Amino acid sequence: PLTFSKDTIFLGLFKEAEAVKSYLDKANISITVEKELITIEVSNIGKVYKAFTSLIYLHEENGKRLLLILADTEDMLKETVDLMPEGKFRQWLVTEQLAVYRKLKPAEVKPAAK
């Protein structure tokens, strides 16, 4: 398991979430990966995983912060990290410390109303 003694950023794929499980547990976030099936469950919200999803979670403990950024693919992880400097992740906040970003596939994007 990951331990940290100063502010830390952890970047990884959902299949690597075991390394930060203790911090996810504290936020009641459960990530299960079995073969190619990924399940993400957040207490009081439910299941949140679909393809092209990433999770951004800020854990604070003893005056130190751990920022977890997890995604289902390396491309999705990179895209999520690219959103961070501009603060675009804020529109996907589901709690003060958790954001769930899901990239829409082109077929899911609805044209703007005229």
N, C-alpha and C. Protein backbone atom coordinates (compact mmCIF):
# COMPACT_ATOMS: atom_id res chain seq x y z
N PRO A 1 0.82 -1.21 0.00
CA PRO A 1 0.00 0.00 0.00
C PRO A 1 0.86 1.26 0.00
N LEU A 2 0.33 2.29 -0.59
CA LEU A 2 1.02 3.57 -0.68
C LEU A 2 0.95 4.29 0.67
N THR A 3 2.07 4.84 1.11
CA THR A 3 2.07 5.73 2.27
C THR A 3 2.70 7.04 1.80
N PHE A 4 2.32 8.13 2.45
CA PHE A 4 2.87 9.41 2.03
C PHE A 4 3.17 10.27 3.25
N SER A 5 4.27 11.03 3.16
CA SER A 5 4.66 11.88 4.28
C SER A 5 4.62 13.36 3.90
N LYS A 6 4.30 13.64 2.65
CA LYS A 6 4.13 15.02 2.19
C LYS A 6 3.07 15.01 1.10
N ASP A 7 2.69 16.18 0.61
CA ASP A 7 1.68 16.23 -0.44
C ASP A 7 2.13 15.36 -1.61
N THR A 8 1.22 14.53 -2.11
CA THR A 8 1.57 13.52 -3.11
C THR A 8 0.47 13.42 -4.16
N ILE A 9 0.86 13.12 -5.39
CA ILE A 9 -0.08 12.83 -6.47
C ILE A 9 0.18 11.40 -6.91
N PHE A 10 -0.90 10.61 -6.98
CA PHE A 10 -0.82 9.24 -7.46
C PHE A 10 -1.60 9.15 -8.76
N LEU A 11 -0.92 8.77 -9.83
CA LEU A 11 -1.55 8.57 -11.13
C LEU A 11 -1.54 7.08 -11.42
N GLY A 12 -2.68 6.54 -11.82
CA GLY A 12 -2.70 5.12 -12.12
C GLY A 12 -3.98 4.69 -12.82
N LEU A 13 -3.99 3.44 -13.19
CA LEU A 13 -5.17 2.85 -13.82
C LEU A 13 -6.00 2.17 -12.74
N PHE A 14 -7.27 1.96 -13.01
CA PHE A 14 -8.13 1.31 -12.03
C PHE A 14 -7.57 -0.04 -11.59
N LYS A 15 -6.91 -0.74 -12.51
CA LYS A 15 -6.36 -2.05 -12.15
C LYS A 15 -5.21 -1.93 -11.15
N GLU A 16 -4.70 -0.70 -10.93
CA GLU A 16 -3.63 -0.46 -9.96
C GLU A 16 -4.16 0.15 -8.65
N ALA A 17 -5.48 0.22 -8.52
CA ALA A 17 -6.10 0.89 -7.37
C ALA A 17 -5.81 0.20 -6.04
N GLU A 18 -5.40 -1.05 -6.08
CA GLU A 18 -5.09 -1.77 -4.84
C GLU A 18 -4.02 -1.03 -4.03
N ALA A 19 -3.12 -0.34 -4.71
CA ALA A 19 -2.04 0.40 -4.03
C ALA A 19 -2.57 1.54 -3.17
N VAL A 20 -3.76 2.05 -3.48
CA VAL A 20 -4.33 3.18 -2.73
C VAL A 20 -5.68 2.80 -2.10
N LYS A 21 -5.93 1.52 -1.99
CA LYS A 21 -7.22 1.02 -1.49
C LYS A 21 -7.56 1.58 -0.11
N SER A 22 -6.59 1.67 0.77
CA SER A 22 -6.89 2.15 2.12
C SER A 22 -7.44 3.58 2.11
N TYR A 23 -6.96 4.41 1.18
CA TYR A 23 -7.45 5.79 1.08
C TYR A 23 -8.83 5.83 0.42
N LEU A 24 -9.04 5.00 -0.57
CA LEU A 24 -10.35 4.91 -1.21
C LEU A 24 -11.39 4.39 -0.20
N ASP A 25 -10.99 3.42 0.61
CA ASP A 25 -11.89 2.87 1.63
C ASP A 25 -12.37 3.97 2.60
N LYS A 26 -11.46 4.87 2.96
CA LYS A 26 -11.83 5.95 3.89
C LYS A 26 -12.90 6.86 3.30
N ALA A 27 -12.97 6.92 1.97
CA ALA A 27 -13.99 7.73 1.29
C ALA A 27 -15.17 6.89 0.83
N ASN A 28 -15.19 5.62 1.25
CA ASN A 28 -16.25 4.70 0.84
C ASN A 28 -16.33 4.56 -0.68
N ILE A 29 -15.16 4.47 -1.30
CA ILE A 29 -15.05 4.25 -2.74
C ILE A 29 -14.50 2.85 -2.94
N SER A 30 -15.20 2.05 -3.70
CA SER A 30 -14.78 0.68 -3.96
C SER A 30 -14.52 0.50 -5.46
N ILE A 31 -13.33 0.00 -5.79
CA ILE A 31 -12.97 -0.29 -7.18
C ILE A 31 -12.61 -1.75 -7.27
N THR A 32 -13.33 -2.46 -8.13
CA THR A 32 -13.08 -3.88 -8.34
C THR A 32 -12.78 -4.11 -9.81
N VAL A 33 -11.68 -4.80 -10.07
CA VAL A 33 -11.32 -5.14 -11.45
C VAL A 33 -11.18 -6.65 -11.53
N GLU A 34 -12.02 -7.25 -12.34
CA GLU A 34 -11.97 -8.69 -12.58
C GLU A 34 -11.89 -8.90 -14.07
N LYS A 35 -10.72 -9.36 -14.52
CA LYS A 35 -10.44 -9.49 -15.95
C LYS A 35 -10.64 -8.13 -16.59
N GLU A 36 -11.58 -7.97 -17.50
CA GLU A 36 -11.80 -6.68 -18.15
C GLU A 36 -12.98 -5.92 -17.56
N LEU A 37 -13.62 -6.46 -16.52
CA LEU A 37 -14.79 -5.84 -15.92
C LEU A 37 -14.38 -4.95 -14.75
N ILE A 38 -14.74 -3.68 -14.83
CA ILE A 38 -14.41 -2.71 -13.79
C ILE A 38 -15.70 -2.28 -13.11
N THR A 39 -15.70 -2.30 -11.78
CA THR A 39 -16.84 -1.82 -11.02
C THR A 39 -16.34 -0.75 -10.05
N ILE A 40 -16.96 0.42 -10.10
CA ILE A 40 -16.64 1.50 -9.16
C ILE A 40 -17.94 1.84 -8.44
N GLU A 41 -17.88 1.79 -7.13
CA GLU A 41 -19.06 2.12 -6.35
C GLU A 41 -18.69 3.14 -5.29
N VAL A 42 -19.52 4.18 -5.18
CA VAL A 42 -19.31 5.25 -4.21
C VAL A 42 -20.53 5.27 -3.29
N SER A 43 -20.28 5.21 -1.98
CA SER A 43 -21.43 5.19 -1.07
C SER A 43 -22.25 6.46 -1.25
N ASN A 44 -23.54 6.32 -1.10
CA ASN A 44 -24.53 7.39 -1.27
C ASN A 44 -24.69 7.85 -2.71
N ILE A 45 -23.93 7.27 -3.64
CA ILE A 45 -24.07 7.63 -5.05
C ILE A 45 -24.41 6.40 -5.88
N GLY A 46 -23.73 5.29 -5.61
CA GLY A 46 -23.97 4.06 -6.34
C GLY A 46 -22.84 3.76 -7.30
N LYS A 47 -23.14 2.93 -8.30
CA LYS A 47 -22.13 2.55 -9.29
C LYS A 47 -21.96 3.69 -10.28
N VAL A 48 -20.69 4.02 -10.58
CA VAL A 48 -20.43 5.17 -11.44
C VAL A 48 -19.58 4.83 -12.66
N TYR A 49 -19.22 3.57 -12.83
CA TYR A 49 -18.31 3.26 -13.92
C TYR A 49 -19.02 2.99 -15.24
N LYS A 50 -18.50 3.59 -16.28
CA LYS A 50 -18.80 3.26 -17.67
C LYS A 50 -17.47 3.44 -18.39
N ALA A 51 -17.39 2.96 -19.60
CA ALA A 51 -16.14 3.11 -20.36
C ALA A 51 -15.78 4.59 -20.48
N PHE A 52 -14.50 4.86 -20.59
CA PHE A 52 -13.97 6.23 -20.72
C PHE A 52 -14.22 7.04 -19.45
N THR A 53 -13.93 6.45 -18.30
CA THR A 53 -14.17 7.10 -17.01
C THR A 53 -12.86 7.29 -16.25
N SER A 54 -12.79 8.39 -15.52
CA SER A 54 -11.68 8.59 -14.59
C SER A 54 -12.22 9.13 -13.28
N LEU A 55 -11.43 8.99 -12.25
CA LEU A 55 -11.83 9.38 -10.92
C LEU A 55 -10.73 10.27 -10.34
N ILE A 56 -11.12 11.38 -9.75
CA ILE A 56 -10.18 12.30 -9.11
C ILE A 56 -10.62 12.41 -7.65
N TYR A 57 -9.74 12.04 -6.74
CA TYR A 57 -10.10 12.06 -5.32
C TYR A 57 -8.98 12.73 -4.52
N LEU A 58 -9.36 13.67 -3.66
CA LEU A 58 -8.41 14.35 -2.79
C LEU A 58 -8.61 13.84 -1.37
N HIS A 59 -7.57 13.22 -0.85
CA HIS A 59 -7.58 12.71 0.53
C HIS A 59 -6.69 13.63 1.37
N GLU A 60 -7.22 14.07 2.50
CA GLU A 60 -6.43 14.92 3.40
C GLU A 60 -6.30 14.22 4.76
N GLU A 61 -5.09 14.22 5.26
CA GLU A 61 -4.81 13.54 6.53
C GLU A 61 -3.59 14.18 7.19
N ASN A 62 -3.73 14.58 8.45
CA ASN A 62 -2.63 15.17 9.21
C ASN A 62 -1.95 16.33 8.49
N GLY A 63 -2.76 17.18 7.86
CA GLY A 63 -2.22 18.35 7.18
C GLY A 63 -1.55 18.07 5.84
N LYS A 64 -1.64 16.84 5.39
CA LYS A 64 -1.04 16.47 4.11
C LYS A 64 -2.15 16.05 3.14
N ARG A 65 -1.88 16.23 1.86
CA ARG A 65 -2.88 15.89 0.85
C ARG A 65 -2.34 14.84 -0.11
N LEU A 66 -3.23 13.93 -0.47
CA LEU A 66 -2.94 12.90 -1.47
C LEU A 66 -3.99 13.06 -2.56
N LEU A 67 -3.55 13.38 -3.77
CA LEU A 67 -4.45 13.50 -4.91
C LEU A 67 -4.34 12.22 -5.73
N LEU A 68 -5.46 11.50 -5.83
CA LEU A 68 -5.51 10.27 -6.61
C LEU A 68 -6.20 10.55 -7.93
N ILE A 69 -5.55 10.19 -9.02
CA ILE A 69 -6.18 10.28 -10.33
C ILE A 69 -6.07 8.89 -10.94
N LEU A 70 -7.23 8.27 -11.13
CA LEU A 70 -7.29 6.90 -11.66
C LEU A 70 -8.18 6.90 -12.90
N ALA A 71 -7.85 6.06 -13.85
CA ALA A 71 -8.65 5.99 -15.08
C ALA A 71 -8.64 4.57 -15.61
N ASP A 72 -9.50 4.33 -16.60
CA ASP A 72 -9.58 2.98 -17.16
C ASP A 72 -8.53 2.71 -18.23
N THR A 73 -8.02 3.75 -18.88
CA THR A 73 -6.98 3.56 -19.89
C THR A 73 -5.90 4.63 -19.72
N GLU A 74 -4.75 4.39 -20.30
CA GLU A 74 -3.67 5.39 -20.24
C GLU A 74 -4.08 6.68 -20.95
N ASP A 75 -4.79 6.56 -22.08
CA ASP A 75 -5.25 7.76 -22.79
C ASP A 75 -6.20 8.58 -21.94
N MET A 76 -7.10 7.89 -21.24
CA MET A 76 -8.06 8.59 -20.39
C MET A 76 -7.34 9.23 -19.21
N LEU A 77 -6.34 8.58 -18.68
CA LEU A 77 -5.55 9.15 -17.59
C LEU A 77 -4.86 10.43 -18.05
N LYS A 78 -4.25 10.38 -19.22
CA LYS A 78 -3.58 11.58 -19.76
C LYS A 78 -4.57 12.71 -19.97
N GLU A 79 -5.72 12.40 -20.54
CA GLU A 79 -6.72 13.43 -20.79
C GLU A 79 -7.19 14.06 -19.48
N THR A 80 -7.37 13.25 -18.45
CA THR A 80 -7.81 13.76 -17.15
C THR A 80 -6.74 14.67 -16.55
N VAL A 81 -5.49 14.26 -16.61
CA VAL A 81 -4.40 15.10 -16.10
C VAL A 81 -4.35 16.43 -16.86
N ASP A 82 -4.59 16.39 -18.16
CA ASP A 82 -4.58 17.61 -18.96
C ASP A 82 -5.68 18.59 -18.55
N LEU A 83 -6.77 18.09 -17.96
CA LEU A 83 -7.87 18.95 -17.52
C LEU A 83 -7.57 19.66 -16.20
N MET A 84 -6.61 19.17 -15.47
CA MET A 84 -6.37 19.67 -14.12
C MET A 84 -5.94 21.14 -14.04
N PRO A 85 -4.96 21.59 -14.83
CA PRO A 85 -4.49 22.97 -14.65
C PRO A 85 -5.58 24.03 -14.86
N GLU A 86 -6.52 23.78 -15.73
CA GLU A 86 -7.57 24.75 -16.00
C GLU A 86 -8.75 24.63 -15.04
N GLY A 87 -8.73 23.63 -14.19
CA GLY A 87 -9.81 23.46 -13.23
C GLY A 87 -11.09 22.91 -13.83
N LYS A 88 -11.02 22.37 -15.04
CA LYS A 88 -12.23 21.87 -15.70
C LYS A 88 -12.83 20.69 -14.96
N PHE A 89 -12.04 20.02 -14.14
CA PHE A 89 -12.55 18.87 -13.39
C PHE A 89 -13.66 19.28 -12.42
N ARG A 90 -13.74 20.53 -12.04
CA ARG A 90 -14.72 20.98 -11.04
C ARG A 90 -16.16 20.72 -11.48
N GLN A 91 -16.40 20.72 -12.79
CA GLN A 91 -17.77 20.49 -13.26
C GLN A 91 -18.21 19.04 -13.06
N TRP A 92 -17.29 18.15 -12.72
CA TRP A 92 -17.63 16.74 -12.49
C TRP A 92 -17.57 16.36 -11.01
N LEU A 93 -17.49 17.36 -10.13
CA LEU A 93 -17.46 17.07 -8.70
C LEU A 93 -18.77 16.43 -8.26
N VAL A 94 -18.67 15.33 -7.54
CA VAL A 94 -19.86 14.70 -6.97
C VAL A 94 -19.87 14.88 -5.45
N THR A 95 -18.71 15.21 -4.89
CA THR A 95 -18.59 15.63 -3.49
C THR A 95 -17.48 16.69 -3.50
N GLU A 96 -17.20 17.27 -2.35
CA GLU A 96 -16.14 18.28 -2.28
C GLU A 96 -14.77 17.71 -2.63
N GLN A 97 -14.60 16.40 -2.46
CA GLN A 97 -13.29 15.81 -2.67
C GLN A 97 -13.24 14.76 -3.78
N LEU A 98 -14.36 14.56 -4.47
CA LEU A 98 -14.40 13.52 -5.49
C LEU A 98 -15.04 14.02 -6.78
N ALA A 99 -14.33 13.78 -7.88
CA ALA A 99 -14.88 14.09 -9.21
C ALA A 99 -14.83 12.81 -10.04
N VAL A 100 -15.88 12.60 -10.81
CA VAL A 100 -15.94 11.46 -11.72
C VAL A 100 -16.10 12.03 -13.12
N TYR A 101 -15.09 11.82 -13.95
CA TYR A 101 -15.10 12.34 -15.31
C TYR A 101 -15.39 11.20 -16.27
N ARG A 102 -16.34 11.42 -17.14
CA ARG A 102 -16.66 10.42 -18.14
C ARG A 102 -16.67 11.11 -19.50
N LYS A 103 -15.79 10.66 -20.35
CA LYS A 103 -15.71 11.21 -21.70
C LYS A 103 -16.83 10.59 -22.53
N LEU A 104 -17.61 11.44 -23.16
CA LEU A 104 -18.69 10.95 -24.00
C LEU A 104 -18.14 10.48 -25.34
N LYS A 105 -18.66 9.38 -25.80
CA LYS A 105 -18.32 8.91 -27.14
C LYS A 105 -19.04 9.82 -28.13
N PRO A 106 -18.51 10.02 -29.33
CA PRO A 106 -19.15 10.92 -30.29
C PRO A 106 -20.65 10.65 -30.49
N ALA A 107 -21.08 9.40 -30.47
CA ALA A 107 -22.49 9.07 -30.68
C ALA A 107 -23.36 9.54 -29.51
N GLU A 108 -22.75 9.79 -28.33
CA GLU A 108 -23.51 10.21 -27.15
C GLU A 108 -23.62 11.71 -27.05
N VAL A 109 -22.87 12.44 -27.82
CA VAL A 109 -22.91 13.91 -27.76
C VAL A 109 -24.16 14.38 -28.50
N LYS A 110 -25.00 15.11 -27.81
CA LYS A 110 -26.24 15.60 -28.41
C LYS A 110 -25.98 16.97 -29.00
N PRO A 111 -26.53 17.26 -30.20
CA PRO A 111 -26.36 18.57 -30.78
C PRO A 111 -27.03 19.64 -29.91
N ALA A 112 -26.45 20.81 -29.89
CA ALA A 112 -27.00 21.91 -29.10
C ALA A 112 -28.36 22.33 -29.66
N ALA A 113 -29.29 22.67 -28.76
CA ALA A 113 -30.61 23.11 -29.18
C ALA A 113 -30.49 24.46 -29.88
N LYS A 114 -31.31 24.64 -30.91
CA LYS A 114 -31.27 25.91 -31.67
C LYS A 114 -32.29 26.88 -31.15
